[in-house]
Amino acid sequence: MGLKELRKKKWFKIMTNTYILVLTIFVIWMAFFDTNSLMIHLELENEIDKLEKEKEFLKSEIAKDKEILEKMSDKKELEKLAREKYYMKKENEEIFLIEYEDSIKNQHHE
């Protein structure tokens, strides 16, 4: 198959058309090499999705924290937290920590 025969083929004429060549180069450039390329857009979309999920998670954490803060505005709830979590006590008061057998077993297995 010589060059003359190749030039007569319809697909060769279409592919060697100047407009088609320029358009092909333009599309390749925009998809891969440009600063606003398709690849960068896909990476940014993934980043946006990840940040949206993190935003929803943080909103739920904020809601939980607000609920805890509302509980802490009550003196009795605040005292309960201080006693249970931080083992605080009033003056002239004794505290006895009671550990159940199940909790002791779980601590040794962890």
PDB file of N, CA and C in Angstrom:
ATOM      1  N   MET A   1       0.860  -1.173   0.000  1.00  0.00           N
ATOM      2  CA  MET A   1       0.000   0.000   0.000  1.00  0.00           C
ATOM      3  C   MET A   1       0.904   1.234   0.000  1.00  0.00           C
ATOM      4  N   GLY A   2       0.842   1.979  -1.059  1.00  0.00           N
ATOM      5  CA  GLY A   2       1.688   3.146  -1.199  1.00  0.00           C
ATOM      6  C   GLY A   2       1.035   4.388  -0.629  1.00  0.00           C
ATOM      7  N   LEU A   3       1.765   5.475  -0.660  1.00  0.00           N
ATOM      8  CA  LEU A   3       1.295   6.754  -0.133  1.00  0.00           C
ATOM      9  C   LEU A   3       0.127   7.288  -0.953  1.00  0.00           C
ATOM     10  N   LYS A   4       0.143   7.074  -2.262  1.00  0.00           N
ATOM     11  CA  LYS A   4      -0.951   7.551  -3.111  1.00  0.00           C
ATOM     12  C   LYS A   4      -2.251   6.835  -2.780  1.00  0.00           C
ATOM     13  N   GLU A   5      -2.152   5.532  -2.583  1.00  0.00           N
ATOM     14  CA  GLU A   5      -3.348   4.764  -2.229  1.00  0.00           C
ATOM     15  C   GLU A   5      -3.877   5.177  -0.865  1.00  0.00           C
ATOM     16  N   LEU A   6      -2.952   5.448   0.054  1.00  0.00           N
ATOM     17  CA  LEU A   6      -3.336   5.853   1.413  1.00  0.00           C
ATOM     18  C   LEU A   6      -4.058   7.195   1.401  1.00  0.00           C
ATOM     19  N   ARG A   7      -3.592   8.128   0.538  1.00  0.00           N
ATOM     20  CA  ARG A   7      -4.226   9.442   0.439  1.00  0.00           C
ATOM     21  C   ARG A   7      -5.626   9.365  -0.134  1.00  0.00           C
ATOM     22  N   LYS A   8      -5.915   8.364  -0.884  1.00  0.00           N
ATOM     23  CA  LYS A   8      -7.246   8.210  -1.492  1.00  0.00           C
ATOM     24  C   LYS A   8      -8.277   7.687  -0.492  1.00  0.00           C
ATOM     25  N   LYS A   9      -7.826   7.093   0.570  1.00  0.00           N
ATOM     26  CA  LYS A   9      -8.746   6.556   1.572  1.00  0.00           C
ATOM     27  C   LYS A   9      -9.495   7.701   2.252  1.00  0.00           C
ATOM     28  N   LYS A  10     -10.779   7.469   2.515  1.00  0.00           N
ATOM     29  CA  LYS A  10     -11.635   8.515   3.097  1.00  0.00           C
ATOM     30  C   LYS A  10     -11.196   8.867   4.523  1.00  0.00           C
ATOM     31  N   TRP A  11     -10.905   7.875   5.357  1.00  0.00           N
ATOM     32  CA  TRP A  11     -10.515   8.137   6.741  1.00  0.00           C
ATOM     33  C   TRP A  11      -9.214   8.917   6.828  1.00  0.00           C
ATOM     34  N   PHE A  12      -8.291   8.682   5.861  1.00  0.00           N
ATOM     35  CA  PHE A  12      -7.022   9.409   5.839  1.00  0.00           C
ATOM     36  C   PHE A  12      -7.252  10.881   5.524  1.00  0.00           C
ATOM     37  N   LYS A  13      -8.172  11.157   4.576  1.00  0.00           N
ATOM     38  CA  LYS A  13      -8.488  12.550   4.244  1.00  0.00           C
ATOM     39  C   LYS A  13      -9.091  13.274   5.445  1.00  0.00           C
ATOM     40  N   ILE A  14      -9.974  12.576   6.163  1.00  0.00           N
ATOM     41  CA  ILE A  14     -10.605  13.200   7.338  1.00  0.00           C
ATOM     42  C   ILE A  14      -9.567  13.456   8.428  1.00  0.00           C
ATOM     43  N   MET A  15      -8.702  12.477   8.682  1.00  0.00           N
ATOM     44  CA  MET A  15      -7.719  12.604   9.757  1.00  0.00           C
ATOM     45  C   MET A  15      -6.632  13.638   9.450  1.00  0.00           C
ATOM     46  N   THR A  16      -6.339  13.864   8.198  1.00  0.00           N
ATOM     47  CA  THR A  16      -5.312  14.846   7.849  1.00  0.00           C
ATOM     48  C   THR A  16      -5.887  16.231   7.609  1.00  0.00           C
ATOM     49  N   ASN A  17      -7.183  16.392   7.775  1.00  0.00           N
ATOM     50  CA  ASN A  17      -7.807  17.698   7.648  1.00  0.00           C
ATOM     51  C   ASN A  17      -7.248  18.601   8.758  1.00  0.00           C
ATOM     52  N   THR A  18      -6.887  19.822   8.414  1.00  0.00           N
ATOM     53  CA  THR A  18      -6.260  20.755   9.352  1.00  0.00           C
ATOM     54  C   THR A  18      -7.153  21.033  10.549  1.00  0.00           C
ATOM     55  N   TYR A  19      -8.420  21.222  10.300  1.00  0.00           N
ATOM     56  CA  TYR A  19      -9.348  21.524  11.395  1.00  0.00           C
ATOM     57  C   TYR A  19      -9.458  20.355  12.374  1.00  0.00           C
ATOM     58  N   ILE A  20      -9.502  19.153  11.848  1.00  0.00           N
ATOM     59  CA  ILE A  20      -9.587  17.959  12.688  1.00  0.00           C
ATOM     60  C   ILE A  20      -8.315  17.816  13.516  1.00  0.00           C
ATOM     61  N   LEU A  21      -7.161  18.045  12.904  1.00  0.00           N
ATOM     62  CA  LEU A  21      -5.894  17.950  13.640  1.00  0.00           C
ATOM     63  C   LEU A  21      -5.827  18.984  14.767  1.00  0.00           C
ATOM     64  N   VAL A  22      -6.187  20.214  14.449  1.00  0.00           N
ATOM     65  CA  VAL A  22      -6.157  21.276  15.462  1.00  0.00           C
ATOM     66  C   VAL A  22      -7.142  20.963  16.583  1.00  0.00           C
ATOM     67  N   LEU A  23      -8.334  20.498  16.223  1.00  0.00           N
ATOM     68  CA  LEU A  23      -9.341  20.152  17.225  1.00  0.00           C
ATOM     69  C   LEU A  23      -8.854  19.010  18.122  1.00  0.00           C
ATOM     70  N   THR A  24      -8.236  18.013  17.535  1.00  0.00           N
ATOM     71  CA  THR A  24      -7.714  16.880  18.300  1.00  0.00           C
ATOM     72  C   THR A  24      -6.626  17.333  19.272  1.00  0.00           C
ATOM     73  N   ILE A  25      -5.705  18.138  18.802  1.00  0.00           N
ATOM     74  CA  ILE A  25      -4.640  18.654  19.666  1.00  0.00           C
ATOM     75  C   ILE A  25      -5.240  19.504  20.784  1.00  0.00           C
ATOM     76  N   PHE A  26      -6.218  20.330  20.459  1.00  0.00           N
ATOM     77  CA  PHE A  26      -6.878  21.176  21.460  1.00  0.00           C
ATOM     78  C   PHE A  26      -7.546  20.331  22.545  1.00  0.00           C
ATOM     79  N   VAL A  27      -8.275  19.299  22.142  1.00  0.00           N
ATOM     80  CA  VAL A  27      -8.978  18.440  23.110  1.00  0.00           C
ATOM     81  C   VAL A  27      -7.977  17.725  24.013  1.00  0.00           C
ATOM     82  N   ILE A  28      -6.904  17.198  23.418  1.00  0.00           N
ATOM     83  CA  ILE A  28      -5.886  16.519  24.223  1.00  0.00           C
ATOM     84  C   ILE A  28      -5.240  17.502  25.199  1.00  0.00           C
ATOM     85  N   TRP A  29      -4.928  18.691  24.727  1.00  0.00           N
ATOM     86  CA  TRP A  29      -4.325  19.710  25.589  1.00  0.00           C
ATOM     87  C   TRP A  29      -5.257  20.064  26.752  1.00  0.00           C
ATOM     88  N   MET A  30      -6.528  20.287  26.472  1.00  0.00           N
ATOM     89  CA  MET A  30      -7.480  20.681  27.513  1.00  0.00           C
ATOM     90  C   MET A  30      -7.740  19.540  28.513  1.00  0.00           C
ATOM     91  N   ALA A  31      -7.693  18.305  28.031  1.00  0.00           N
ATOM     92  CA  ALA A  31      -7.984  17.168  28.901  1.00  0.00           C
ATOM     93  C   ALA A  31      -6.823  16.833  29.826  1.00  0.00           C
ATOM     94  N   PHE A  32      -5.587  17.028  29.385  1.00  0.00           N
ATOM     95  CA  PHE A  32      -4.461  16.534  30.180  1.00  0.00           C
ATOM     96  C   PHE A  32      -3.437  17.582  30.606  1.00  0.00           C
ATOM     97  N   PHE A  33      -3.182  18.599  29.796  1.00  0.00           N
ATOM     98  CA  PHE A  33      -2.044  19.476  30.052  1.00  0.00           C
ATOM     99  C   PHE A  33      -2.394  20.867  30.570  1.00  0.00           C
ATOM    100  N   ASP A  34      -3.578  21.340  30.365  1.00  0.00           N
ATOM    101  CA  ASP A  34      -3.962  22.688  30.763  1.00  0.00           C
ATOM    102  C   ASP A  34      -4.073  22.784  32.284  1.00  0.00           C
ATOM    103  N   THR A  35      -3.956  24.007  32.815  1.00  0.00           N
ATOM    104  CA  THR A  35      -4.079  24.178  34.273  1.00  0.00           C
ATOM    105  C   THR A  35      -5.483  23.868  34.757  1.00  0.00           C
ATOM    106  N   ASN A  36      -6.458  23.927  33.891  1.00  0.00           N
ATOM    107  CA  ASN A  36      -7.834  23.563  34.240  1.00  0.00           C
ATOM    108  C   ASN A  36      -8.225  22.251  33.561  1.00  0.00           C
ATOM    109  N   SER A  37      -7.314  21.313  33.530  1.00  0.00           N
ATOM    110  CA  SER A  37      -7.541  20.070  32.796  1.00  0.00           C
ATOM    111  C   SER A  37      -8.620  19.208  33.439  1.00  0.00           C
ATOM    112  N   LEU A  38      -9.068  18.255  32.673  1.00  0.00           N
ATOM    113  CA  LEU A  38     -10.083  17.318  33.130  1.00  0.00           C
ATOM    114  C   LEU A  38      -9.586  16.522  34.328  1.00  0.00           C
ATOM    115  N   MET A  39      -8.326  16.159  34.328  1.00  0.00           N
ATOM    116  CA  MET A  39      -7.753  15.384  35.429  1.00  0.00           C
ATOM    117  C   MET A  39      -7.796  16.187  36.729  1.00  0.00           C
ATOM    118  N   ILE A  40      -7.453  17.462  36.663  1.00  0.00           N
ATOM    119  CA  ILE A  40      -7.478  18.310  37.855  1.00  0.00           C
ATOM    120  C   ILE A  40      -8.915  18.484  38.340  1.00  0.00           C
ATOM    121  N   HIS A  41      -9.846  18.629  37.409  1.00  0.00           N
ATOM    122  CA  HIS A  41     -11.264  18.743  37.790  1.00  0.00           C
ATOM    123  C   HIS A  41     -11.732  17.498  38.531  1.00  0.00           C
ATOM    124  N   LEU A  42     -11.338  16.315  38.073  1.00  0.00           N
ATOM    125  CA  LEU A  42     -11.726  15.080  38.742  1.00  0.00           C
ATOM    126  C   LEU A  42     -11.126  14.997  40.144  1.00  0.00           C
ATOM    127  N   GLU A  43      -9.866  15.387  40.289  1.00  0.00           N
ATOM    128  CA  GLU A  43      -9.225  15.392  41.608  1.00  0.00           C
ATOM    129  C   GLU A  43      -9.945  16.366  42.547  1.00  0.00           C
ATOM    130  N   LEU A  44     -10.279  17.536  42.028  1.00  0.00           N
ATOM    131  CA  LEU A  44     -10.968  18.525  42.850  1.00  0.00           C
ATOM    132  C   LEU A  44     -12.364  18.058  43.245  1.00  0.00           C
ATOM    133  N   GLU A  45     -13.055  17.375  42.353  1.00  0.00           N
ATOM    134  CA  GLU A  45     -14.374  16.824  42.686  1.00  0.00           C
ATOM    135  C   GLU A  45     -14.275  15.803  43.813  1.00  0.00           C
ATOM    136  N   ASN A  46     -13.259  14.945  43.750  1.00  0.00           N
ATOM    137  CA  ASN A  46     -13.046  13.976  44.828  1.00  0.00           C
ATOM    138  C   ASN A  46     -12.748  14.675  46.144  1.00  0.00           C
ATOM    139  N   GLU A  47     -11.952  15.716  46.086  1.00  0.00           N
ATOM    140  CA  GLU A  47     -11.619  16.476  47.296  1.00  0.00           C
ATOM    141  C   GLU A  47     -12.873  17.140  47.871  1.00  0.00           C
ATOM    142  N   ILE A  48     -13.710  17.678  47.003  1.00  0.00           N
ATOM    143  CA  ILE A  48     -14.963  18.312  47.444  1.00  0.00           C
ATOM    144  C   ILE A  48     -15.854  17.282  48.129  1.00  0.00           C
ATOM    145  N   ASP A  49     -15.978  16.098  47.546  1.00  0.00           N
ATOM    146  CA  ASP A  49     -16.795  15.042  48.155  1.00  0.00           C
ATOM    147  C   ASP A  49     -16.271  14.670  49.537  1.00  0.00           C
ATOM    148  N   LYS A  50     -14.958  14.531  49.646  1.00  0.00           N
ATOM    149  CA  LYS A  50     -14.351  14.177  50.932  1.00  0.00           C
ATOM    150  C   LYS A  50     -14.611  15.271  51.968  1.00  0.00           C
ATOM    151  N   LEU A  51     -14.472  16.518  51.559  1.00  0.00           N
ATOM    152  CA  LEU A  51     -14.691  17.635  52.477  1.00  0.00           C
ATOM    153  C   LEU A  51     -16.160  17.755  52.880  1.00  0.00           C
ATOM    154  N   GLU A  52     -17.077  17.446  51.978  1.00  0.00           N
ATOM    155  CA  GLU A  52     -18.510  17.472  52.310  1.00  0.00           C
ATOM    156  C   GLU A  52     -18.829  16.417  53.370  1.00  0.00           C
ATOM    157  N   LYS A  53     -18.247  15.219  53.225  1.00  0.00           N
ATOM    158  CA  LYS A  53     -18.455  14.168  54.228  1.00  0.00           C
ATOM    159  C   LYS A  53     -17.888  14.592  55.581  1.00  0.00           C
ATOM    160  N   GLU A  54     -16.707  15.192  55.555  1.00  0.00           N
ATOM    161  CA  GLU A  54     -16.096  15.663  56.800  1.00  0.00           C
ATOM    162  C   GLU A  54     -16.943  16.762  57.432  1.00  0.00           C
ATOM    163  N   LYS A  55     -17.512  17.616  56.600  1.00  0.00           N
ATOM    164  CA  LYS A  55     -18.371  18.700  57.090  1.00  0.00           C
ATOM    165  C   LYS A  55     -19.595  18.132  57.799  1.00  0.00           C
ATOM    166  N   GLU A  56     -20.236  17.121  57.205  1.00  0.00           N
ATOM    167  CA  GLU A  56     -21.403  16.494  57.833  1.00  0.00           C
ATOM    168  C   GLU A  56     -21.028  15.840  59.152  1.00  0.00           C
ATOM    169  N   PHE A  57     -19.876  15.163  59.175  1.00  0.00           N
ATOM    170  CA  PHE A  57     -19.418  14.533  60.413  1.00  0.00           C
ATOM    171  C   PHE A  57     -19.196  15.584  61.500  1.00  0.00           C
ATOM    172  N   LEU A  58     -18.543  16.679  61.136  1.00  0.00           N
ATOM    173  CA  LEU A  58     -18.265  17.723  62.120  1.00  0.00           C
ATOM    174  C   LEU A  58     -19.548  18.408  62.591  1.00  0.00           C
ATOM    175  N   LYS A  59     -20.531  18.548  61.708  1.00  0.00           N
ATOM    176  CA  LYS A  59     -21.819  19.112  62.131  1.00  0.00           C
ATOM    177  C   LYS A  59     -22.482  18.222  63.173  1.00  0.00           C
ATOM    178  N   SER A  60     -22.408  16.903  62.970  1.00  0.00           N
ATOM    179  CA  SER A  60     -23.003  15.996  63.952  1.00  0.00           C
ATOM    180  C   SER A  60     -22.246  16.057  65.277  1.00  0.00           C
ATOM    181  N   GLU A  61     -20.925  16.207  65.214  1.00  0.00           N
ATOM    182  CA  GLU A  61     -20.130  16.339  66.438  1.00  0.00           C
ATOM    183  C   GLU A  61     -20.479  17.633  67.172  1.00  0.00           C
ATOM    184  N   ILE A  62     -20.684  18.706  66.437  1.00  0.00           N
ATOM    185  CA  ILE A  62     -21.072  19.984  67.046  1.00  0.00           C
ATOM    186  C   ILE A  62     -22.422  19.846  67.734  1.00  0.00           C
ATOM    187  N   ALA A  63     -23.350  19.148  67.092  1.00  0.00           N
ATOM    188  CA  ALA A  63     -24.677  18.940  67.695  1.00  0.00           C
ATOM    189  C   ALA A  63     -24.553  18.158  68.996  1.00  0.00           C
ATOM    190  N   LYS A  64     -23.704  17.129  69.006  1.00  0.00           N
ATOM    191  CA  LYS A  64     -23.485  16.352  70.234  1.00  0.00           C
ATOM    192  C   LYS A  64     -22.887  17.234  71.329  1.00  0.00           C
ATOM    193  N   ASP A  65     -21.909  18.052  70.954  1.00  0.00           N
ATOM    194  CA  ASP A  65     -21.265  18.923  71.937  1.00  0.00           C
ATOM    195  C   ASP A  65     -22.239  19.963  72.487  1.00  0.00           C
ATOM    196  N   LYS A  66     -23.117  20.486  71.637  1.00  0.00           N
ATOM    197  CA  LYS A  66     -24.120  21.448  72.112  1.00  0.00           C
ATOM    198  C   LYS A  66     -25.052  20.794  73.118  1.00  0.00           C
ATOM    199  N   GLU A  67     -25.411  19.543  72.842  1.00  0.00           N
ATOM    200  CA  GLU A  67     -26.280  18.814  73.758  1.00  0.00           C
ATOM    201  C   GLU A  67     -25.593  18.625  75.116  1.00  0.00           C
ATOM    202  N   ILE A  68     -24.313  18.299  75.093  1.00  0.00           N
ATOM    203  CA  ILE A  68     -23.555  18.144  76.333  1.00  0.00           C
ATOM    204  C   ILE A  68     -23.470  19.473  77.073  1.00  0.00           C
ATOM    205  N   LEU A  69     -23.255  20.559  76.336  1.00  0.00           N
ATOM    206  CA  LEU A  69     -23.177  21.879  76.973  1.00  0.00           C
ATOM    207  C   LEU A  69     -24.500  22.268  77.627  1.00  0.00           C
ATOM    208  N   GLU A  70     -25.613  21.909  76.978  1.00  0.00           N
ATOM    209  CA  GLU A  70     -26.915  22.195  77.571  1.00  0.00           C
ATOM    210  C   GLU A  70     -27.097  21.412  78.864  1.00  0.00           C
ATOM    211  N   LYS A  71     -26.646  20.169  78.873  1.00  0.00           N
ATOM    212  CA  LYS A  71     -26.722  19.367  80.095  1.00  0.00           C
ATOM    213  C   LYS A  71     -25.859  19.975  81.198  1.00  0.00           C
ATOM    214  N   MET A  72     -24.712  20.489  80.826  1.00  0.00           N
ATOM    215  CA  MET A  72     -23.780  21.022  81.821  1.00  0.00           C
ATOM    216  C   MET A  72     -24.265  22.341  82.423  1.00  0.00           C
ATOM    217  N   SER A  73     -25.251  22.967  81.825  1.00  0.00           N
ATOM    218  CA  SER A  73     -25.778  24.206  82.414  1.00  0.00           C
ATOM    219  C   SER A  73     -26.585  23.895  83.673  1.00  0.00           C
ATOM    220  N   ASP A  74     -27.016  22.647  83.829  1.00  0.00           N
ATOM    221  CA  ASP A  74     -27.734  22.214  85.028  1.00  0.00           C
ATOM    222  C   ASP A  74     -26.696  21.810  86.078  1.00  0.00           C
ATOM    223  N   LYS A  75     -26.812  22.349  87.280  1.00  0.00           N
ATOM    224  CA  LYS A  75     -25.837  22.085  88.360  1.00  0.00           C
ATOM    225  C   LYS A  75     -25.763  20.597  88.702  1.00  0.00           C
ATOM    226  N   LYS A  76     -26.924  19.931  88.737  1.00  0.00           N
ATOM    227  CA  LYS A  76     -26.937  18.514  89.108  1.00  0.00           C
ATOM    228  C   LYS A  76     -26.213  17.669  88.062  1.00  0.00           C
ATOM    229  N   GLU A  77     -26.411  17.982  86.784  1.00  0.00           N
ATOM    230  CA  GLU A  77     -25.728  17.240  85.719  1.00  0.00           C
ATOM    231  C   GLU A  77     -24.218  17.477  85.772  1.00  0.00           C
ATOM    232  N   LEU A  78     -23.836  18.704  86.057  1.00  0.00           N
ATOM    233  CA  LEU A  78     -22.420  19.036  86.163  1.00  0.00           C
ATOM    234  C   LEU A  78     -21.782  18.276  87.320  1.00  0.00           C
ATOM    235  N   GLU A  79     -22.458  18.229  88.439  1.00  0.00           N
ATOM    236  CA  GLU A  79     -21.953  17.494  89.602  1.00  0.00           C
ATOM    237  C   GLU A  79     -21.858  16.003  89.288  1.00  0.00           C
ATOM    238  N   LYS A  80     -22.850  15.468  88.603  1.00  0.00           N
ATOM    239  CA  LYS A  80     -22.863  14.054  88.234  1.00  0.00           C
ATOM    240  C   LYS A  80     -21.658  13.726  87.352  1.00  0.00           C
ATOM    241  N   LEU A  81     -21.388  14.580  86.366  1.00  0.00           N
ATOM    242  CA  LEU A  81     -20.244  14.372  85.479  1.00  0.00           C
ATOM    243  C   LEU A  81     -18.937  14.419  86.263  1.00  0.00           C
ATOM    244  N   ALA A  82     -18.804  15.414  87.139  1.00  0.00           N
ATOM    245  CA  ALA A  82     -17.578  15.562  87.922  1.00  0.00           C
ATOM    246  C   ALA A  82     -17.355  14.337  88.808  1.00  0.00           C
ATOM    247  N   ARG A  83     -18.400  13.819  89.394  1.00  0.00           N
ATOM    248  CA  ARG A  83     -18.266  12.658  90.272  1.00  0.00           C
ATOM    249  C   ARG A  83     -17.959  11.382  89.482  1.00  0.00           C
ATOM    250  N   GLU A  84     -18.682  11.153  88.387  1.00  0.00           N
ATOM    251  CA  GLU A  84     -18.535   9.903  87.656  1.00  0.00           C
ATOM    252  C   GLU A  84     -17.269   9.840  86.799  1.00  0.00           C
ATOM    253  N   LYS A  85     -16.979  10.915  86.126  1.00  0.00           N
ATOM    254  CA  LYS A  85     -15.871  10.870  85.179  1.00  0.00           C
ATOM    255  C   LYS A  85     -14.540  11.276  85.808  1.00  0.00           C
ATOM    256  N   TYR A  86     -14.565  12.258  86.689  1.00  0.00           N
ATOM    257  CA  TYR A  86     -13.318  12.782  87.234  1.00  0.00           C
ATOM    258  C   TYR A  86     -13.120  12.419  88.710  1.00  0.00           C
ATOM    259  N   TYR A  87     -14.014  11.629  89.280  1.00  0.00           N
ATOM    260  CA  TYR A  87     -13.924  11.140  90.663  1.00  0.00           C
ATOM    261  C   TYR A  87     -13.743  12.262  91.682  1.00  0.00           C
ATOM    262  N   MET A  88     -14.420  13.377  91.451  1.00  0.00           N
ATOM    263  CA  MET A  88     -14.363  14.486  92.400  1.00  0.00           C
ATOM    264  C   MET A  88     -15.345  14.225  93.535  1.00  0.00           C
ATOM    265  N   LYS A  89     -15.075  14.868  94.670  1.00  0.00           N
ATOM    266  CA  LYS A  89     -15.950  14.654  95.828  1.00  0.00           C
ATOM    267  C   LYS A  89     -16.084  15.951  96.601  1.00  0.00           C
ATOM    268  N   LYS A  90     -17.095  15.976  97.464  1.00  0.00           N
ATOM    269  CA  LYS A  90     -17.276  17.118  98.355  1.00  0.00           C
ATOM    270  C   LYS A  90     -16.373  16.940  99.563  1.00  0.00           C
ATOM    271  N   GLU A  91     -16.178  18.029 100.317  1.00  0.00           N
ATOM    272  CA  GLU A  91     -15.366  17.928 101.525  1.00  0.00           C
ATOM    273  C   GLU A  91     -16.039  16.988 102.526  1.00  0.00           C
ATOM    274  N   ASN A  92     -15.227  16.317 103.299  1.00  0.00           N
ATOM    275  CA  ASN A  92     -15.694  15.380 104.318  1.00  0.00           C
ATOM    276  C   ASN A  92     -16.549  14.266 103.709  1.00  0.00           C
ATOM    277  N   GLU A  93     -16.202  13.847 102.533  1.00  0.00           N
ATOM    278  CA  GLU A  93     -16.960  12.800 101.870  1.00  0.00           C
ATOM    279  C   GLU A  93     -15.976  11.726 101.409  1.00  0.00           C
ATOM    280  N   GLU A  94     -16.368  10.485 101.509  1.00  0.00           N
ATOM    281  CA  GLU A  94     -15.514   9.397 101.059  1.00  0.00           C
ATOM    282  C   GLU A  94     -16.112   8.777  99.808  1.00  0.00           C
ATOM    283  N   ILE A  95     -15.233   8.341  98.919  1.00  0.00           N
ATOM    284  CA  ILE A  95     -15.695   7.716  97.679  1.00  0.00           C
ATOM    285  C   ILE A  95     -15.156   6.290  97.640  1.00  0.00           C
ATOM    286  N   PHE A  96     -16.038   5.366  97.303  1.00  0.00           N
ATOM    287  CA  PHE A  96     -15.650   3.975  97.139  1.00  0.00           C
ATOM    288  C   PHE A  96     -15.896   3.594  95.684  1.00  0.00           C
ATOM    289  N   LEU A  97     -14.843   3.169  95.020  1.00  0.00           N
ATOM    290  CA  LEU A  97     -14.972   2.729  93.631  1.00  0.00           C
ATOM    291  C   LEU A  97     -15.240   1.227  93.631  1.00  0.00           C
ATOM    292  N   ILE A  98     -16.324   0.849  93.009  1.00  0.00           N
ATOM    293  CA  ILE A  98     -16.707  -0.550  92.949  1.00  0.00           C
ATOM    294  C   ILE A  98     -16.558  -1.018  91.516  1.00  0.00           C
ATOM    295  N   GLU A  99     -15.727  -2.030  91.320  1.00  0.00           N
ATOM    296  CA  GLU A  99     -15.547  -2.601  89.998  1.00  0.00           C
ATOM    297  C   GLU A  99     -16.197  -3.964  89.996  1.00  0.00           C
ATOM    298  N   TYR A 100     -17.012  -4.191  89.005  1.00  0.00           N
ATOM    299  CA  TYR A 100     -17.672  -5.476  88.873  1.00  0.00           C
ATOM    300  C   TYR A 100     -16.749  -6.457  88.176  1.00  0.00           C
ATOM    301  N   GLU A 101     -17.005  -7.719  88.382  1.00  0.00           N
ATOM    302  CA  GLU A 101     -16.155  -8.761  87.840  1.00  0.00           C
ATOM    303  C   GLU A 101     -16.093  -8.702  86.312  1.00  0.00           C
ATOM    304  N   ASP A 102     -17.199  -8.383  85.651  1.00  0.00           N
ATOM    305  CA  ASP A 102     -17.222  -8.293  84.194  1.00  0.00           C
ATOM    306  C   ASP A 102     -16.282  -7.207  83.696  1.00  0.00           C
ATOM    307  N   SER A 103     -16.292  -6.049  84.344  1.00  0.00           N
ATOM    308  CA  SER A 103     -15.429  -4.952  83.895  1.00  0.00           C
ATOM    309  C   SER A 103     -13.965  -5.274  84.134  1.00  0.00           C
ATOM    310  N   ILE A 104     -13.668  -6.023  85.182  1.00  0.00           N
ATOM    311  CA  ILE A 104     -12.279  -6.407  85.455  1.00  0.00           C
ATOM    312  C   ILE A 104     -11.791  -7.387  84.392  1.00  0.00           C
ATOM    313  N   LYS A 105     -12.628  -8.352  84.033  1.00  0.00           N
ATOM    314  CA  LYS A 105     -12.259  -9.317  82.993  1.00  0.00           C
ATOM    315  C   LYS A 105     -12.032  -8.621  81.666  1.00  0.00           C
ATOM    316  N   ASN A 106     -12.893  -7.659  81.313  1.00  0.00           N
ATOM    317  CA  ASN A 106     -12.770  -6.948  80.036  1.00  0.00           C
ATOM    318  C   ASN A 106     -11.474  -6.139  79.990  1.00  0.00           C
ATOM    319  N   GLN A 107     -11.070  -5.576  81.108  1.00  0.00           N
ATOM    320  CA  GLN A 107      -9.844  -4.795  81.142  1.00  0.00           C
ATOM    321  C   GLN A 107      -8.619  -5.674  80.929  1.00  0.00           C
ATOM    322  N   HIS A 108      -8.639  -6.886  81.461  1.00  0.00           N
ATOM    323  CA  HIS A 108      -7.496  -7.783  81.302  1.00  0.00           C
ATOM    324  C   HIS A 108      -7.391  -8.337  79.893  1.00  0.00           C
ATOM    325  N   HIS A 109      -8.518  -8.480  79.203  1.00  0.00           N
ATOM    326  CA  HIS A 109      -8.491  -9.016  77.850  1.00  0.00           C
ATOM    327  C   HIS A 109      -8.108  -7.964  76.824  1.00  0.00           C
ATOM    328  N   GLU A 110      -8.257  -6.706  77.118  1.00  0.00           N
ATOM    329  CA  GLU A 110      -7.942  -5.640  76.152  1.00  0.00           C
ATOM    330  C   GLU A 110      -6.522  -5.327  76.130  1.00  0.00           C
TER     331      GLU A 110
END
